C-alpha atoms as a PDB file:
ATOM      1  CA  PHE A   1      -6.474  34.385  39.113  1.00  0.00           C
ATOM      2  CA  VAL A   2      -4.012  31.836  37.452  1.00  0.00           C
ATOM      3  CA  GLN A   3      -5.063  28.276  37.013  1.00  0.00           C
ATOM      4  CA  LEU A   4      -2.303  25.711  37.194  1.00  0.00           C
ATOM      5  CA  PHE A   5      -2.628  22.312  35.996  1.00  0.00           C
ATOM      6  CA  HIS A   6      -0.823  19.061  35.658  1.00  0.00           C
ATOM      7  CA  ASP A   7      -1.892  15.902  33.714  1.00  0.00           C
ATOM      8  CA  HIS A   8       0.161  12.579  33.255  1.00  0.00           C
ATOM      9  CA  GLU A   9      -0.368   9.485  31.891  1.00  0.00           C
ATOM     10  CA  GLY A  10       1.891   6.385  31.857  1.00  0.00           C
ATOM     11  CA  THR A  11       1.640   2.725  30.311  1.00  0.00           C
ATOM     12  CA  VAL A  12       3.598  -0.410  30.555  1.00  0.00           C
ATOM     13  CA  ASP A  13       3.972  -3.242  28.426  1.00  0.00           C
ATOM     14  CA  LEU A  14       2.751  -6.479  30.274  1.00  0.00           C
ATOM     15  CA  GLU A  15       4.981  -8.698  28.168  1.00  0.00           C
ATOM     16  CA  ASP A  16       8.083  -6.228  28.572  1.00  0.00           C
ATOM     17  CA  THR A  17       7.748  -4.274  31.859  1.00  0.00           C
ATOM     18  CA  GLY A  18      10.740  -2.405  30.915  1.00  0.00           C
ATOM     19  CA  ASN A  19       8.960  -0.744  28.282  1.00  0.00           C
ATOM     20  CA  VAL A  20       7.427   2.326  29.820  1.00  0.00           C
ATOM     21  CA  PHE A  21       5.785   5.421  27.922  1.00  0.00           C
ATOM     22  CA  VAL A  22       5.046   8.584  30.199  1.00  0.00           C
ATOM     23  CA  GLU A  23       3.101  11.590  28.921  1.00  0.00           C
ATOM     24  CA  SER A  24       2.826  14.607  31.019  1.00  0.00           C
ATOM     25  CA  SER A  25       1.527  18.029  30.530  1.00  0.00           C
ATOM     26  CA  THR A  26       2.151  21.014  32.986  1.00  0.00           C
ATOM     27  CA  GLY A  27       0.937  24.919  32.525  1.00  0.00           C
ATOM     28  CA  LEU A  28      -0.749  28.040  33.393  1.00  0.00           C
ATOM     29  CA  ARG A  29      -3.951  29.140  32.386  1.00  0.00           C
ATOM     30  CA  PHE A  30      -4.600  32.866  32.497  1.00  0.00           C
ATOM     31  CA  PRO A  31      -8.428  34.217  32.096  1.00  0.00           C
ATOM     32  CA  LEU A  32      -8.467  37.148  29.497  1.00  0.00           C
ATOM     33  CA  GLY A  33     -12.100  38.295  30.267  1.00  0.00           C
ATOM     34  CA  ASN A  34     -15.306  37.237  28.070  1.00  0.00           C
ATOM     35  CA  GLY A  35     -14.350  33.302  28.341  1.00  0.00           C
ATOM     36  CA  PHE A  36     -11.075  33.795  26.386  1.00  0.00           C
ATOM     37  CA  ASN A  37      -8.042  32.491  28.021  1.00  0.00           C
ATOM     38  CA  LEU A  38      -4.323  32.078  27.446  1.00  0.00           C
ATOM     39  CA  THR A  39      -2.160  29.378  28.336  1.00  0.00           C
ATOM     40  CA  ALA A  40       1.366  28.470  28.690  1.00  0.00           C
ATOM     41  CA  GLN A  41       2.349  25.109  28.697  1.00  0.00           C
ATOM     42  CA  ALA A  42       4.996  22.448  28.655  1.00  0.00           C
ATOM     43  CA  ASP A  43       4.512  18.830  27.297  1.00  0.00           C
ATOM     44  CA  VAL A  44       7.016  15.901  27.858  1.00  0.00           C
ATOM     45  CA  GLU A  45       6.661  12.475  26.701  1.00  0.00           C
ATOM     46  CA  TRP A  46       9.492   9.948  27.655  1.00  0.00           C
ATOM     47  CA  ASP A  47       9.845   6.200  25.977  1.00  0.00           C
ATOM     48  CA  SER A  48      12.237   3.822  27.767  1.00  0.00           C
ATOM     49  CA  GLU A  49      12.550   1.777  24.743  1.00  0.00           C
ATOM     50  CA  PRO A  50      12.828   4.300  21.702  1.00  0.00           C
ATOM     51  CA  GLU A  51      13.525   3.413  18.345  1.00  0.00           C
ATOM     52  CA  SER A  52      17.062   3.456  16.821  1.00  0.00           C
ATOM     53  CA  GLY A  53      18.069   6.967  16.146  1.00  0.00           C
ATOM     54  CA  VAL A  54      15.320   8.779  18.414  1.00  0.00           C
ATOM     55  CA  SER A  55      15.833  10.493  21.614  1.00  0.00           C
ATOM     56  CA  SER A  56      13.680   8.847  24.656  1.00  0.00           C
ATOM     57  CA  THR A  57      12.465  12.090  25.756  1.00  0.00           C
ATOM     58  CA  ASP A  58      10.495  14.768  23.765  1.00  0.00           C
ATOM     59  CA  LYS A  59       9.592  18.281  24.988  1.00  0.00           C
ATOM     60  CA  THR A  60       7.036  20.446  23.433  1.00  0.00           C
ATOM     61  CA  TYR A  61       6.598  24.008  24.840  1.00  0.00           C
ATOM     62  CA  LEU A  62       3.170  25.601  23.692  1.00  0.00           C
ATOM     63  CA  MET A  63       1.375  29.099  24.129  1.00  0.00           C
ATOM     64  CA  THR A  64      -2.217  29.140  23.181  1.00  0.00           C
ATOM     65  CA  VAL A  65      -5.493  31.145  23.276  1.00  0.00           C
ATOM     66  CA  GLY A  66      -8.686  29.593  24.123  1.00  0.00           C
ATOM     67  CA  TYR A  67     -12.436  29.731  25.067  1.00  0.00           C
ATOM     68  CA  SER A  68     -14.292  28.370  27.856  1.00  0.00           C
ATOM     69  CA  TRP A  69     -17.929  28.311  28.361  1.00  0.00           C
END
């Protein structure tokens, strides 16, 4: 079977509530047998007030092999 997962976290600056940062991970995990798995994942980070010259959105695509026990 395939496992779908999603995790997200957001933070707000209490002194400047317009300053928000959000991290999110979404993906699929495929069991390969003997405790090994293959994961395809997309990570997105969003910053409402990025530094000058930096994009507000950062995307990373991952494919990993892991082990679970």
